[in-house]
Amino acid sequence: FFDELHSLDSDRQAVTDMITNHQNQGHMMIRPASPERTDT
């Protein structure tokens, strides 16, 4: 995912499409992090 993200550079629409595709396939999900989370 991050390799593909970096390859898209600053193409906002391509990044949005890529993230949507990964989420629709059930490979990943994105959400706000817990404010109590300290580890990476």
PDB file of all heavy atoms in Angstrom:
ATOM      1  N   PHE A   1       0.824  -1.201   0.000  1.00  0.00           N
ATOM      2  CA  PHE A   1       0.000   0.000   0.000  1.00  0.00           C
ATOM      3  C   PHE A   1       0.862   1.256   0.000  1.00  0.00           C
ATOM      4  O   PHE A   1       0.658   2.172  -0.815  1.00  0.00           O
ATOM      5  CB  PHE A   1      -0.932   0.007   1.212  1.00  0.00           C
ATOM      6  CG  PHE A   1      -1.683   1.293   1.392  1.00  0.00           C
ATOM      7  CD1 PHE A   1      -2.859   1.537   0.689  1.00  0.00           C
ATOM      8  CD2 PHE A   1      -1.221   2.268   2.261  1.00  0.00           C
ATOM      9  CE1 PHE A   1      -3.547   2.733   0.844  1.00  0.00           C
ATOM     10  CE2 PHE A   1      -1.901   3.463   2.428  1.00  0.00           C
ATOM     11  CZ  PHE A   1      -3.069   3.695   1.711  1.00  0.00           C
ATOM     12  N   PHE A   2       1.821   1.322   0.928  1.00  0.00           N
ATOM     13  CA  PHE A   2       2.634   2.530   1.030  1.00  0.00           C
ATOM     14  C   PHE A   2       3.575   2.687  -0.167  1.00  0.00           C
ATOM     15  O   PHE A   2       3.868   3.823  -0.580  1.00  0.00           O
ATOM     16  CB  PHE A   2       3.406   2.537   2.348  1.00  0.00           C
ATOM     17  CG  PHE A   2       2.544   2.865   3.535  1.00  0.00           C
ATOM     18  CD1 PHE A   2       2.263   1.910   4.492  1.00  0.00           C
ATOM     19  CD2 PHE A   2       1.990   4.131   3.684  1.00  0.00           C
ATOM     20  CE1 PHE A   2       1.451   2.204   5.587  1.00  0.00           C
ATOM     21  CE2 PHE A   2       1.180   4.441   4.767  1.00  0.00           C
ATOM     22  CZ  PHE A   2       0.911   3.469   5.713  1.00  0.00           C
ATOM     23  N   ASP A   3       4.040   1.569  -0.748  1.00  0.00           N
ATOM     24  CA  ASP A   3       4.842   1.661  -1.974  1.00  0.00           C
ATOM     25  C   ASP A   3       4.008   2.271  -3.097  1.00  0.00           C
ATOM     26  O   ASP A   3       4.479   3.139  -3.840  1.00  0.00           O
ATOM     27  CB  ASP A   3       5.334   0.267  -2.392  1.00  0.00           C
ATOM     28  CG  ASP A   3       6.503  -0.216  -1.552  1.00  0.00           C
ATOM     29  OD1 ASP A   3       7.070   0.601  -0.810  1.00  0.00           O
ATOM     30  OD2 ASP A   3       6.843  -1.409  -1.655  1.00  0.00           O
ATOM     31  N   GLU A   4       2.759   1.807  -3.212  1.00  0.00           N
ATOM     32  CA  GLU A   4       1.880   2.330  -4.250  1.00  0.00           C
ATOM     33  C   GLU A   4       1.537   3.789  -3.981  1.00  0.00           C
ATOM     34  O   GLU A   4       1.483   4.613  -4.914  1.00  0.00           O
ATOM     35  CB  GLU A   4       0.604   1.495  -4.330  1.00  0.00           C
ATOM     36  CG  GLU A   4      -0.315   1.872  -5.471  1.00  0.00           C
ATOM     37  CD  GLU A   4      -1.535   0.967  -5.580  1.00  0.00           C
ATOM     38  OE1 GLU A   4      -1.629  -0.017  -4.800  1.00  0.00           O
ATOM     39  OE2 GLU A   4      -2.396   1.246  -6.434  1.00  0.00           O
ATOM     40  N   LEU A   5       1.321   4.117  -2.710  1.00  0.00           N
ATOM     41  CA  LEU A   5       0.987   5.494  -2.336  1.00  0.00           C
ATOM     42  C   LEU A   5       2.118   6.443  -2.726  1.00  0.00           C
ATOM     43  O   LEU A   5       1.886   7.508  -3.306  1.00  0.00           O
ATOM     44  CB  LEU A   5       0.727   5.564  -0.828  1.00  0.00           C
ATOM     45  CG  LEU A   5       0.311   6.927  -0.262  1.00  0.00           C
ATOM     46  CD1 LEU A   5      -1.046   7.329  -0.807  1.00  0.00           C
ATOM     47  CD2 LEU A   5       0.267   6.866   1.266  1.00  0.00           C
ATOM     48  N   HIS A   6       3.352   6.048  -2.428  1.00  0.00           N
ATOM     49  CA  HIS A   6       4.503   6.903  -2.742  1.00  0.00           C
ATOM     50  C   HIS A   6       4.688   7.035  -4.257  1.00  0.00           C
ATOM     51  O   HIS A   6       5.124   8.083  -4.749  1.00  0.00           O
ATOM     52  CB  HIS A   6       5.770   6.335  -2.107  1.00  0.00           C
ATOM     53  CG  HIS A   6       5.759   6.401  -0.620  1.00  0.00           C
ATOM     54  ND1 HIS A   6       6.444   5.514   0.190  1.00  0.00           N
ATOM     55  CD2 HIS A   6       5.122   7.243   0.232  1.00  0.00           C
ATOM     56  CE1 HIS A   6       6.223   5.800   1.459  1.00  0.00           C
ATOM     57  NE2 HIS A   6       5.435   6.854   1.507  1.00  0.00           N
ATOM     58  N   SER A   7       4.345   5.996  -5.010  1.00  0.00           N
ATOM     59  CA  SER A   7       4.520   6.047  -6.461  1.00  0.00           C
ATOM     60  C   SER A   7       3.548   7.024  -7.122  1.00  0.00           C
ATOM     61  O   SER A   7       3.805   7.519  -8.219  1.00  0.00           O
ATOM     62  CB  SER A   7       4.333   4.650  -7.067  1.00  0.00           C
ATOM     63  OG  SER A   7       2.964   4.255  -7.024  1.00  0.00           O
ATOM     64  N   LEU A   8       2.437   7.293  -6.445  1.00  0.00           N
ATOM     65  CA  LEU A   8       1.432   8.204  -7.006  1.00  0.00           C
ATOM     66  C   LEU A   8       1.768   9.661  -6.748  1.00  0.00           C
ATOM     67  O   LEU A   8       1.107  10.560  -7.270  1.00  0.00           O
ATOM     68  CB  LEU A   8       0.050   7.878  -6.425  1.00  0.00           C
ATOM     69  CG  LEU A   8      -0.491   6.495  -6.770  1.00  0.00           C
ATOM     70  CD1 LEU A   8      -1.812   6.243  -6.051  1.00  0.00           C
ATOM     71  CD2 LEU A   8      -0.682   6.352  -8.279  1.00  0.00           C
ATOM     72  N   ASP A   9       2.758   9.893  -5.909  1.00  0.00           N
ATOM     73  CA  ASP A   9       3.256  11.228  -5.610  1.00  0.00           C
ATOM     74  C   ASP A   9       2.119  12.120  -5.101  1.00  0.00           C
ATOM     75  O   ASP A   9       1.471  11.818  -4.108  1.00  0.00           O
ATOM     76  CB  ASP A   9       3.926  11.828  -6.846  1.00  0.00           C
ATOM     77  CG  ASP A   9       4.805  13.016  -6.500  1.00  0.00           C
ATOM     78  OD1 ASP A   9       5.197  13.139  -5.327  1.00  0.00           O
ATOM     79  OD2 ASP A   9       5.098  13.818  -7.390  1.00  0.00           O
ATOM     80  N   SER A  10       1.810  13.200  -5.794  1.00  0.00           N
ATOM     81  CA  SER A  10       0.821  14.170  -5.293  1.00  0.00           C
ATOM     82  C   SER A  10      -0.471  14.154  -6.106  1.00  0.00           C
ATOM     83  O   SER A  10      -1.243  15.117  -6.054  1.00  0.00           O
ATOM     84  CB  SER A  10       1.422  15.579  -5.305  1.00  0.00           C
ATOM     85  OG  SER A  10       1.853  15.928  -6.607  1.00  0.00           O
ATOM     86  N   ASP A  11      -0.714  13.093  -6.853  1.00  0.00           N
ATOM     87  CA  ASP A  11      -1.936  12.995  -7.644  1.00  0.00           C
ATOM     88  C   ASP A  11      -3.094  12.642  -6.709  1.00  0.00           C
ATOM     89  O   ASP A  11      -3.350  11.481  -6.405  1.00  0.00           O
ATOM     90  CB  ASP A  11      -1.766  11.913  -8.716  1.00  0.00           C
ATOM     91  CG  ASP A  11      -2.928  11.884  -9.707  1.00  0.00           C
ATOM     92  OD1 ASP A  11      -4.037  12.302  -9.324  1.00  0.00           O
ATOM     93  OD2 ASP A  11      -2.720  11.427 -10.834  1.00  0.00           O
ATOM     94  N   ARG A  12      -3.806  13.674  -6.238  1.00  0.00           N
ATOM     95  CA  ARG A  12      -4.828  13.501  -5.213  1.00  0.00           C
ATOM     96  C   ARG A  12      -5.935  12.533  -5.656  1.00  0.00           C
ATOM     97  O   ARG A  12      -6.371  11.680  -4.894  1.00  0.00           O
ATOM     98  CB  ARG A  12      -5.423  14.849  -4.832  1.00  0.00           C
ATOM     99  CG  ARG A  12      -6.430  14.788  -3.689  1.00  0.00           C
ATOM    100  CD  ARG A  12      -6.949  16.174  -3.367  1.00  0.00           C
ATOM    101  NE  ARG A  12      -5.881  17.029  -2.869  1.00  0.00           N
ATOM    102  CZ  ARG A  12      -5.522  17.096  -1.591  1.00  0.00           C
ATOM    103  NH1 ARG A  12      -6.154  16.343  -0.693  1.00  0.00           N
ATOM    104  NH2 ARG A  12      -4.561  17.903  -1.197  1.00  0.00           N
ATOM    105  N   GLN A  13      -6.394  12.651  -6.902  1.00  0.00           N
ATOM    106  CA  GLN A  13      -7.470  11.795  -7.365  1.00  0.00           C
ATOM    107  C   GLN A  13      -7.011  10.343  -7.462  1.00  0.00           C
ATOM    108  O   GLN A  13      -7.762   9.416  -7.105  1.00  0.00           O
ATOM    109  CB  GLN A  13      -7.972  12.259  -8.737  1.00  0.00           C
ATOM    110  CG  GLN A  13      -9.195  11.486  -9.236  1.00  0.00           C
ATOM    111  CD  GLN A  13     -10.359  11.566  -8.275  1.00  0.00           C
ATOM    112  OE1 GLN A  13     -10.763  12.656  -7.872  1.00  0.00           O
ATOM    113  NE2 GLN A  13     -10.915  10.410  -7.873  1.00  0.00           N
ATOM    114  N   ALA A  14      -5.786  10.126  -7.929  1.00  0.00           N
ATOM    115  CA  ALA A  14      -5.253   8.765  -8.033  1.00  0.00           C
ATOM    116  C   ALA A  14      -5.108   8.140  -6.650  1.00  0.00           C
ATOM    117  O   ALA A  14      -5.381   6.950  -6.461  1.00  0.00           O
ATOM    118  CB  ALA A  14      -3.910   8.784  -8.753  1.00  0.00           C
ATOM    119  N   VAL A  15      -4.688   8.937  -5.670  1.00  0.00           N
ATOM    120  CA  VAL A  15      -4.553   8.437  -4.300  1.00  0.00           C
ATOM    121  C   VAL A  15      -5.921   8.066  -3.742  1.00  0.00           C
ATOM    122  O   VAL A  15      -6.092   7.009  -3.128  1.00  0.00           O
ATOM    123  CB  VAL A  15      -3.879   9.500  -3.393  1.00  0.00           C
ATOM    124  CG1 VAL A  15      -3.982   9.097  -1.932  1.00  0.00           C
ATOM    125  CG2 VAL A  15      -2.420   9.674  -3.789  1.00  0.00           C
ATOM    126  N   THR A  16      -6.904   8.932  -3.962  1.00  0.00           N
ATOM    127  CA  THR A  16      -8.267   8.659  -3.484  1.00  0.00           C
ATOM    128  C   THR A  16      -8.813   7.379  -4.097  1.00  0.00           C
ATOM    129  O   THR A  16      -9.392   6.536  -3.414  1.00  0.00           O
ATOM    130  CB  THR A  16      -9.202   9.830  -3.823  1.00  0.00           C
ATOM    131  OG1 THR A  16      -8.719  11.015  -3.175  1.00  0.00           O
ATOM    132  CG2 THR A  16     -10.622   9.548  -3.352  1.00  0.00           C
ATOM    133  N   ASP A  17      -8.620   7.208  -5.397  1.00  0.00           N
ATOM    134  CA  ASP A  17      -9.102   6.015  -6.078  1.00  0.00           C
ATOM    135  C   ASP A  17      -8.401   4.756  -5.565  1.00  0.00           C
ATOM    136  O   ASP A  17      -9.035   3.709  -5.396  1.00  0.00           O
ATOM    137  CB  ASP A  17      -8.877   6.145  -7.591  1.00  0.00           C
ATOM    138  CG  ASP A  17      -9.752   7.214  -8.221  1.00  0.00           C
ATOM    139  OD1 ASP A  17     -10.742   7.626  -7.577  1.00  0.00           O
ATOM    140  OD2 ASP A  17      -9.431   7.644  -9.349  1.00  0.00           O
ATOM    141  N   MET A  18      -7.102   4.866  -5.339  1.00  0.00           N
ATOM    142  CA  MET A  18      -6.333   3.724  -4.852  1.00  0.00           C
ATOM    143  C   MET A  18      -6.793   3.297  -3.465  1.00  0.00           C
ATOM    144  O   MET A  18      -6.994   2.108  -3.197  1.00  0.00           O
ATOM    145  CB  MET A  18      -4.839   4.069  -4.831  1.00  0.00           C
ATOM    146  CG  MET A  18      -3.924   2.894  -4.456  1.00  0.00           C
ATOM    147  SD  MET A  18      -3.551   2.824  -2.663  1.00  0.00           S
ATOM    148  CE  MET A  18      -2.439   4.236  -2.488  1.00  0.00           C
ATOM    149  N   ILE A  19      -6.983   4.251  -2.570  1.00  0.00           N
ATOM    150  CA  ILE A  19      -7.427   3.946  -1.213  1.00  0.00           C
ATOM    151  C   ILE A  19      -8.820   3.334  -1.236  1.00  0.00           C
ATOM    152  O   ILE A  19      -9.095   2.340  -0.553  1.00  0.00           O
ATOM    153  CB  ILE A  19      -7.407   5.220  -0.350  1.00  0.00           C
ATOM    154  CG1 ILE A  19      -5.965   5.672  -0.113  1.00  0.00           C
ATOM    155  CG2 ILE A  19      -8.113   4.977   0.986  1.00  0.00           C
ATOM    156  CD1 ILE A  19      -5.835   6.980   0.628  1.00  0.00           C
ATOM    157  N   THR A  20      -9.712   3.908  -2.038  1.00  0.00           N
ATOM    158  CA  THR A  20     -11.082   3.377  -2.157  1.00  0.00           C
ATOM    159  C   THR A  20     -11.062   1.941  -2.656  1.00  0.00           C
ATOM    160  O   THR A  20     -11.788   1.080  -2.145  1.00  0.00           O
ATOM    161  CB  THR A  20     -11.909   4.244  -3.113  1.00  0.00           C
ATOM    162  OG1 THR A  20     -11.966   5.579  -2.614  1.00  0.00           O
ATOM    163  CG2 THR A  20     -13.320   3.696  -3.255  1.00  0.00           C
ATOM    164  N   ASN A  21     -10.220   1.655  -3.629  1.00  0.00           N
ATOM    165  CA  ASN A  21     -10.122   0.311  -4.187  1.00  0.00           C
ATOM    166  C   ASN A  21      -9.653  -0.692  -3.138  1.00  0.00           C
ATOM    167  O   ASN A  21     -10.224  -1.782  -2.996  1.00  0.00           O
ATOM    168  CB  ASN A  21      -9.161   0.314  -5.377  1.00  0.00           C
ATOM    169  CG  ASN A  21      -9.024  -1.058  -6.010  1.00  0.00           C
ATOM    170  OD1 ASN A  21     -10.008  -1.689  -6.377  1.00  0.00           O
ATOM    171  ND2 ASN A  21      -7.791  -1.524  -6.146  1.00  0.00           N
ATOM    172  N   HIS A  22      -8.626  -0.328  -2.370  1.00  0.00           N
ATOM    173  CA  HIS A  22      -8.107  -1.221  -1.324  1.00  0.00           C
ATOM    174  C   HIS A  22      -9.161  -1.486  -0.248  1.00  0.00           C
ATOM    175  O   HIS A  22      -9.297  -2.614   0.234  1.00  0.00           O
ATOM    176  CB  HIS A  22      -6.845  -0.626  -0.693  1.00  0.00           C
ATOM    177  CG  HIS A  22      -5.600  -0.863  -1.482  1.00  0.00           C
ATOM    178  ND1 HIS A  22      -4.947  -2.076  -1.486  1.00  0.00           N
ATOM    179  CD2 HIS A  22      -4.886  -0.052  -2.301  1.00  0.00           C
ATOM    180  CE1 HIS A  22      -3.879  -2.001  -2.265  1.00  0.00           C
ATOM    181  NE2 HIS A  22      -3.820  -0.781  -2.769  1.00  0.00           N
ATOM    182  N   GLN A  23      -9.888  -0.442   0.131  1.00  0.00           N
ATOM    183  CA  GLN A  23     -10.911  -0.615   1.158  1.00  0.00           C
ATOM    184  C   GLN A  23     -12.083  -1.453   0.641  1.00  0.00           C
ATOM    185  O   GLN A  23     -12.616  -2.309   1.364  1.00  0.00           O
ATOM    186  CB  GLN A  23     -11.400   0.747   1.649  1.00  0.00           C
ATOM    187  CG  GLN A  23     -10.339   1.531   2.416  1.00  0.00           C
ATOM    188  CD  GLN A  23     -10.906   2.729   3.155  1.00  0.00           C
ATOM    189  OE1 GLN A  23     -11.108   2.713   4.355  1.00  0.00           O
ATOM    190  NE2 GLN A  23     -11.164   3.796   2.405  1.00  0.00           N
ATOM    191  N   ASN A  24     -12.477  -1.231  -0.594  1.00  0.00           N
ATOM    192  CA  ASN A  24     -13.582  -2.006  -1.163  1.00  0.00           C
ATOM    193  C   ASN A  24     -13.240  -3.493  -1.278  1.00  0.00           C
ATOM    194  O   ASN A  24     -14.129  -4.344  -1.187  1.00  0.00           O
ATOM    195  CB  ASN A  24     -13.961  -1.451  -2.543  1.00  0.00           C
ATOM    196  CG  ASN A  24     -14.663  -0.110  -2.460  1.00  0.00           C
ATOM    197  OD1 ASN A  24     -15.179   0.270  -1.413  1.00  0.00           O
ATOM    198  ND2 ASN A  24     -14.691   0.616  -3.566  1.00  0.00           N
ATOM    199  N   GLN A  25     -11.969  -3.796  -1.476  1.00  0.00           N
ATOM    200  CA  GLN A  25     -11.538  -5.184  -1.577  1.00  0.00           C
ATOM    201  C   GLN A  25     -11.332  -5.832  -0.210  1.00  0.00           C
ATOM    202  O   GLN A  25     -11.044  -7.024  -0.122  1.00  0.00           O
ATOM    203  CB  GLN A  25     -10.249  -5.288  -2.395  1.00  0.00           C
ATOM    204  CG  GLN A  25     -10.415  -4.925  -3.854  1.00  0.00           C
ATOM    205  CD  GLN A  25      -9.139  -5.136  -4.648  1.00  0.00           C
ATOM    206  OE1 GLN A  25      -8.450  -6.136  -4.505  1.00  0.00           O
ATOM    207  NE2 GLN A  25      -8.813  -4.170  -5.497  1.00  0.00           N
ATOM    208  N   GLY A  26     -11.474  -5.045   0.862  1.00  0.00           N
ATOM    209  CA  GLY A  26     -11.322  -5.579   2.209  1.00  0.00           C
ATOM    210  C   GLY A  26      -9.888  -5.761   2.642  1.00  0.00           C
ATOM    211  O   GLY A  26      -9.617  -6.444   3.641  1.00  0.00           O
ATOM    212  N   HIS A  27      -8.954  -5.136   1.934  1.00  0.00           N
ATOM    213  CA  HIS A  27      -7.547  -5.265   2.286  1.00  0.00           C
ATOM    214  C   HIS A  27      -7.156  -4.382   3.461  1.00  0.00           C
ATOM    215  O   HIS A  27      -6.191  -4.667   4.166  1.00  0.00           O
ATOM    216  CB  HIS A  27      -6.656  -4.898   1.095  1.00  0.00           C
ATOM    217  CG  HIS A  27      -6.826  -5.787  -0.083  1.00  0.00           C
ATOM    218  ND1 HIS A  27      -6.420  -5.444  -1.348  1.00  0.00           N
ATOM    219  CD2 HIS A  27      -7.375  -7.030  -0.197  1.00  0.00           C
ATOM    220  CE1 HIS A  27      -6.702  -6.417  -2.192  1.00  0.00           C
ATOM    221  NE2 HIS A  27      -7.287  -7.379  -1.517  1.00  0.00           N
ATOM    222  N   MET A  28      -7.910  -3.305   3.653  1.00  0.00           N
ATOM    223  CA  MET A  28      -7.522  -2.329   4.663  1.00  0.00           C
ATOM    224  C   MET A  28      -8.704  -1.445   5.024  1.00  0.00           C
ATOM    225  O   MET A  28      -9.754  -1.474   4.375  1.00  0.00           O
ATOM    226  CB  MET A  28      -6.389  -1.447   4.132  1.00  0.00           C
ATOM    227  CG  MET A  28      -6.809  -0.614   2.927  1.00  0.00           C
ATOM    228  SD  MET A  28      -5.644   0.677   2.461  1.00  0.00           S
ATOM    229  CE  MET A  28      -5.695   1.721   3.906  1.00  0.00           C
ATOM    230  N   MET A  29      -8.510  -0.640   6.072  1.00  0.00           N
ATOM    231  CA  MET A  29      -9.455   0.415   6.415  1.00  0.00           C
ATOM    232  C   MET A  29      -8.684   1.573   7.029  1.00  0.00           C
ATOM    233  O   MET A  29      -7.578   1.403   7.564  1.00  0.00           O
ATOM    234  CB  MET A  29     -10.540  -0.091   7.377  1.00  0.00           C
ATOM    235  CG  MET A  29     -10.037  -0.589   8.712  1.00  0.00           C
ATOM    236  SD  MET A  29     -11.380  -1.185   9.795  1.00  0.00           S
ATOM    237  CE  MET A  29     -12.162   0.373  10.254  1.00  0.00           C
ATOM    238  N   ILE A  30      -9.255   2.760   6.903  1.00  0.00           N
ATOM    239  CA  ILE A  30      -8.622   3.974   7.427  1.00  0.00           C
ATOM    240  C   ILE A  30      -9.624   4.702   8.313  1.00  0.00           C
ATOM    241  O   ILE A  30     -10.801   4.808   7.963  1.00  0.00           O
ATOM    242  CB  ILE A  30      -8.171   4.904   6.289  1.00  0.00           C
ATOM    243  CG1 ILE A  30      -7.194   4.174   5.357  1.00  0.00           C
ATOM    244  CG2 ILE A  30      -7.513   6.157   6.838  1.00  0.00           C
ATOM    245  CD1 ILE A  30      -6.785   5.005   4.160  1.00  0.00           C
ATOM    246  N   ARG A  31      -9.140   5.220   9.432  1.00  0.00           N
ATOM    247  CA  ARG A  31     -10.001   5.970  10.346  1.00  0.00           C
ATOM    248  C   ARG A  31      -9.126   6.857  11.229  1.00  0.00           C
ATOM    249  O   ARG A  31      -7.890   6.668  11.289  1.00  0.00           O
ATOM    250  CB  ARG A  31     -10.815   5.015  11.214  1.00  0.00           C
ATOM    251  CG  ARG A  31      -9.961   4.131  12.123  1.00  0.00           C
ATOM    252  CD  ARG A  31     -10.817   3.246  12.990  1.00  0.00           C
ATOM    253  NE  ARG A  31     -10.026   2.442  13.919  1.00  0.00           N
ATOM    254  CZ  ARG A  31     -10.536   1.748  14.918  1.00  0.00           C
ATOM    255  NH1 ARG A  31     -11.858   1.752  15.118  1.00  0.00           N
ATOM    256  NH2 ARG A  31      -9.764   1.049  15.725  1.00  0.00           N
ATOM    257  N   PRO A  32      -9.711   7.825  11.949  1.00  0.00           N
ATOM    258  CA  PRO A  32      -8.928   8.636  12.885  1.00  0.00           C
ATOM    259  C   PRO A  32      -8.328   7.744  13.977  1.00  0.00           C
ATOM    260  O   PRO A  32      -8.973   6.808  14.450  1.00  0.00           O
ATOM    261  CB  PRO A  32      -9.958   9.610  13.460  1.00  0.00           C
ATOM    262  CG  PRO A  32     -11.048   9.653  12.446  1.00  0.00           C
ATOM    263  CD  PRO A  32     -11.111   8.276  11.858  1.00  0.00           C
ATOM    264  N   ALA A  33      -7.113   8.017  14.356  1.00  0.00           N
ATOM    265  CA  ALA A  33      -6.461   7.230  15.402  1.00  0.00           C
ATOM    266  C   ALA A  33      -7.009   7.608  16.769  1.00  0.00           C
ATOM    267  O   ALA A  33      -7.491   8.720  16.982  1.00  0.00           O
ATOM    268  CB  ALA A  33      -4.952   7.457  15.369  1.00  0.00           C
ATOM    269  N   SER A  34      -6.941   6.667  17.685  1.00  0.00           N
ATOM    270  CA  SER A  34      -7.355   6.946  19.056  1.00  0.00           C
ATOM    271  C   SER A  34      -6.454   8.026  19.646  1.00  0.00           C
ATOM    272  O   SER A  34      -5.225   7.949  19.532  1.00  0.00           O
ATOM    273  CB  SER A  34      -7.251   5.672  19.904  1.00  0.00           C
ATOM    274  OG  SER A  34      -7.368   5.981  21.282  1.00  0.00           O
ATOM    275  N   PRO A  35      -7.031   9.042  20.299  1.00  0.00           N
ATOM    276  CA  PRO A  35      -6.201  10.097  20.909  1.00  0.00           C
ATOM    277  C   PRO A  35      -5.325   9.569  22.030  1.00  0.00           C
ATOM    278  O   PRO A  35      -4.353  10.221  22.425  1.00  0.00           O
ATOM    279  CB  PRO A  35      -7.247  11.094  21.428  1.00  0.00           C
ATOM    280  CG  PRO A  35      -8.502  10.300  21.585  1.00  0.00           C
ATOM    281  CD  PRO A  35      -8.479   9.283  20.489  1.00  0.00           C
ATOM    282  N   GLU A  36      -5.641   8.384  22.543  1.00  0.00           N
ATOM    283  CA  GLU A  36      -4.858   7.791  23.632  1.00  0.00           C
ATOM    284  C   GLU A  36      -3.728   6.902  23.114  1.00  0.00           C
ATOM    285  O   GLU A  36      -2.915   6.421  23.896  1.00  0.00           O
ATOM    286  CB  GLU A  36      -5.778   6.969  24.542  1.00  0.00           C
ATOM    287  CG  GLU A  36      -6.883   7.792  25.191  1.00  0.00           C
ATOM    288  CD  GLU A  36      -7.814   6.955  26.041  1.00  0.00           C
ATOM    289  OE1 GLU A  36      -7.590   5.735  26.144  1.00  0.00           O
ATOM    290  OE2 GLU A  36      -8.776   7.525  26.599  1.00  0.00           O
ATOM    291  N   ARG A  37      -3.681   6.692  21.833  1.00  0.00           N
ATOM    292  CA  ARG A  37      -2.671   5.809  21.233  1.00  0.00           C
ATOM    293  C   ARG A  37      -1.307   6.492  21.231  1.00  0.00           C
ATOM    294  O   ARG A  37      -1.170   7.626  20.770  1.00  0.00           O
ATOM    295  CB  ARG A  37      -3.098   5.454  19.814  1.00  0.00           C
ATOM    296  CG  ARG A  37      -2.122   4.640  18.991  1.00  0.00           C
ATOM    297  CD  ARG A  37      -2.328   3.160  19.146  1.00  0.00           C
ATOM    298  NE  ARG A  37      -1.489   2.442  18.201  1.00  0.00           N
ATOM    299  CZ  ARG A  37      -1.932   1.867  17.097  1.00  0.00           C
ATOM    300  NH1 ARG A  37      -3.221   1.907  16.796  1.00  0.00           N
ATOM    301  NH2 ARG A  37      -1.105   1.230  16.294  1.00  0.00           N
ATOM    302  N   THR A  38      -0.287   5.809  21.765  1.00  0.00           N
ATOM    303  CA  THR A  38       1.063   6.374  21.806  1.00  0.00           C
ATOM    304  C   THR A  38       2.037   5.617  20.910  1.00  0.00           C
ATOM    305  O   THR A  38       3.056   6.167  20.507  1.00  0.00           O
ATOM    306  CB  THR A  38       1.614   6.379  23.247  1.00  0.00           C
ATOM    307  OG1 THR A  38       1.594   5.038  23.770  1.00  0.00           O
ATOM    308  CG2 THR A  38       0.791   7.284  24.138  1.00  0.00           C
ATOM    309  N   ASP A  39       1.743   4.350  20.601  1.00  0.00           N
ATOM    310  CA  ASP A  39       2.653   3.590  19.750  1.00  0.00           C
ATOM    311  C   ASP A  39       2.276   3.776  18.286  1.00  0.00           C
ATOM    312  O   ASP A  39       1.161   4.167  17.947  1.00  0.00           O
ATOM    313  CB  ASP A  39       2.624   2.103  20.119  1.00  0.00           C
ATOM    314  CG  ASP A  39       1.224   1.519  20.051  1.00  0.00           C
ATOM    315  OD1 ASP A  39       0.429   1.778  20.978  1.00  0.00           O
ATOM    316  OD2 ASP A  39       0.927   0.819  19.078  1.00  0.00           O
ATOM    317  N   THR A  40       3.225   3.463  17.402  1.00  0.00           N
ATOM    318  CA  THR A  40       3.031   3.678  15.969  1.00  0.00           C
ATOM    319  C   THR A  40       2.568   2.431  15.240  1.00  0.00           C
ATOM    320  O   THR A  40       1.687   2.473  14.387  1.00  0.00           O
ATOM    321  CB  THR A  40       4.346   4.177  15.333  1.00  0.00           C
ATOM    322  OG1 THR A  40       4.717   5.404  15.942  1.00  0.00           O
ATOM    323  CG2 THR A  40       4.191   4.380  13.826  1.00  0.00           C
TER     324      THR A  40
END
